[in-house]
Amino acid sequence: VKKTNNLKEYGVYEFDAEGKMITDKNGFVDENGSTYYYVNGKRTYAGLVEVDGDLYYVAGDCKMVKGKSYFITHTNGLIEKSCHAVFGEDGKLVRFGKK
């Protein structure tokens, strides 16, 4: 949406079948085979986040990192420093500190 009459920021928004804007997306949302992180209805890059006691990493493309080793840079104070980490297929942090 480019023209919002200053009611919303310029950005990408979703609408339901009746044309109503979907604004209640928050947290992790599965879409088109990927899991994205939303804050107040907008996809958001968040770095390392804690949800229900588990740690997840949201990369620069706003997707949850899953099933691979990944170098985390934005720890948000949840771990001491940037490092390599391994994430399970469900996106949960399995281990960090060693490649």
Protein backbone atom coordinates (compact mmCIF):
# COMPACT_ATOMS: atom_id res chain seq x y z
CA VAL A 1 0.00 0.00 0.00
CA LYS A 2 1.55 3.27 -1.10
CA LYS A 3 -1.22 5.75 -0.39
CA THR A 4 -2.63 5.54 3.13
CA ASN A 5 -3.72 9.13 3.74
CA ASN A 6 -1.37 9.05 6.75
CA LEU A 7 -3.52 6.44 8.49
CA LYS A 8 -0.83 3.73 8.22
CA GLU A 9 2.84 3.58 7.30
CA TYR A 10 3.79 2.78 3.70
CA GLY A 11 4.21 -1.01 3.60
CA VAL A 12 2.83 -4.43 2.75
CA TYR A 13 -0.50 -5.30 4.33
CA GLU A 14 -2.91 -8.22 3.89
CA PHE A 15 -6.66 -8.10 3.41
CA ASP A 16 -9.28 -10.80 3.90
CA ALA A 17 -11.89 -11.89 1.33
CA GLU A 18 -14.19 -9.04 2.42
CA GLY A 19 -11.50 -6.42 1.90
CA LYS A 20 -10.81 -5.86 5.60
CA MET A 21 -7.19 -5.34 6.61
CA ILE A 22 -5.72 -8.14 8.70
CA THR A 23 -3.90 -6.36 11.52
CA ASP A 24 -3.86 -8.81 14.38
CA LYS A 25 -0.77 -10.78 13.35
CA ASN A 26 1.78 -10.89 16.15
CA GLY A 27 4.56 -13.36 16.84
CA PHE A 28 5.31 -16.26 14.53
CA VAL A 29 2.97 -16.88 11.59
CA ASP A 30 3.31 -19.69 9.01
CA GLU A 31 2.90 -18.41 5.45
CA ASN A 32 3.77 -19.96 2.09
CA GLY A 33 6.05 -22.60 3.61
CA SER A 34 8.01 -20.19 5.83
CA THR A 35 7.54 -18.88 9.37
CA TYR A 36 7.62 -15.09 9.66
CA TYR A 37 7.79 -12.89 12.74
CA TYR A 38 5.19 -10.14 13.09
CA VAL A 39 4.87 -7.17 15.42
CA ASN A 40 1.60 -5.23 15.21
CA GLY A 41 0.74 -6.72 11.82
CA LYS A 42 4.10 -6.03 10.13
CA ARG A 43 6.85 -8.52 9.33
CA THR A 44 9.76 -7.63 11.58
CA TYR A 45 13.45 -8.49 11.86
CA ALA A 46 14.00 -9.25 15.53
CA GLY A 47 17.20 -11.28 15.96
CA LEU A 48 17.13 -13.67 18.92
CA VAL A 49 13.74 -13.83 20.65
CA GLU A 50 12.38 -15.84 23.56
CA VAL A 51 8.93 -17.43 23.31
CA ASP A 52 7.59 -19.61 26.13
CA GLY A 53 11.11 -20.22 27.45
CA ASP A 54 12.58 -21.26 24.08
CA LEU A 55 14.94 -19.19 21.91
CA TYR A 56 14.42 -18.58 18.19
CA TYR A 57 16.23 -16.43 15.64
CA VAL A 58 14.45 -14.11 13.22
CA ALA A 59 16.79 -13.28 10.31
CA GLY A 60 16.90 -10.10 8.24
CA ASP A 61 14.23 -11.44 5.87
CA CYS A 62 11.89 -11.69 8.90
CA LYS A 63 11.89 -15.51 8.66
CA MET A 64 12.52 -17.89 11.54
CA VAL A 65 15.81 -19.77 11.09
CA LYS A 66 15.08 -23.52 11.02
CA GLY A 67 17.07 -26.73 10.65
CA LYS A 68 20.55 -25.31 10.22
CA SER A 69 23.62 -23.67 11.70
CA TYR A 70 23.46 -19.89 11.60
CA PHE A 71 25.66 -17.05 12.84
CA ILE A 72 23.54 -14.95 15.16
CA THR A 73 24.43 -11.29 15.50
CA HIS A 74 21.47 -9.70 17.30
CA THR A 75 21.29 -11.51 20.63
CA ASN A 76 19.06 -8.94 22.36
CA GLY A 77 20.88 -9.77 25.60
CA LEU A 78 19.51 -13.33 25.67
CA ILE A 79 22.99 -14.79 25.27
CA GLU A 80 26.31 -13.13 25.97
CA LYS A 81 27.67 -12.47 22.47
CA SER A 82 27.28 -13.12 18.75
CA CYS A 83 28.17 -16.69 17.78
CA HIS A 84 27.29 -19.69 15.64
CA ALA A 85 24.15 -21.50 16.74
CA VAL A 86 22.26 -24.60 15.66
CA PHE A 87 18.50 -24.47 15.26
CA GLY A 88 16.16 -27.48 15.10
CA GLU A 89 13.59 -28.10 12.38
CA ASP A 90 11.05 -26.41 14.67
CA GLY A 91 13.27 -23.31 14.89
CA LYS A 92 14.24 -23.78 18.53
CA LEU A 93 17.84 -23.01 19.47
CA VAL A 94 19.57 -26.36 20.09
CA ARG A 95 23.08 -25.17 20.96
CA PHE A 96 25.37 -22.21 20.48
CA GLY A 97 29.00 -21.19 20.79
CA LYS A 98 30.65 -23.82 18.60
CA LYS A 99 30.25 -24.41 14.89
